[in-house]
Amino acid sequence: MKKNLISWDSMMEEMKEKNPKRYKLIMKETQRLINRPHIIALMENARWESDLSQSELSRKLNLKQSYISRIEKGDCDIRISTVIKYLDALGYELNIIKQYKKNK
């Protein structure tokens, strides 16, 4: 028997009632991903597109795999030199473009 798809909100409401612990865990992870800096998401995407695992990249950079993981989770502050080395190892370069924010 096929199940019908339900909306994210409906699924989360149901989970909140049936499994509050799992609900809190998913909400925490969702919030972390939403709040993750854009540059970190771009770095992780560059690694995926380069078809490298965290372990492979860590060997190229002479860093621990756990540090690569912390970078990609946004669990640590990294220096701009680390961002440049990370991207360089993947064949990318960092370009900074000046943009003016629109007044709200």
Foldseek 3Di string as FASTA:
>chain_A
DDDDDDDPVVVLVVCCVVPVVVSVVVVVLVVLVVPADPLLVVLVVLCVVLVHDLCRLCVLVVHDSVVNVCSSSVVDDDDPVVSQSSQVSSVHGDDDDDDDDDDD
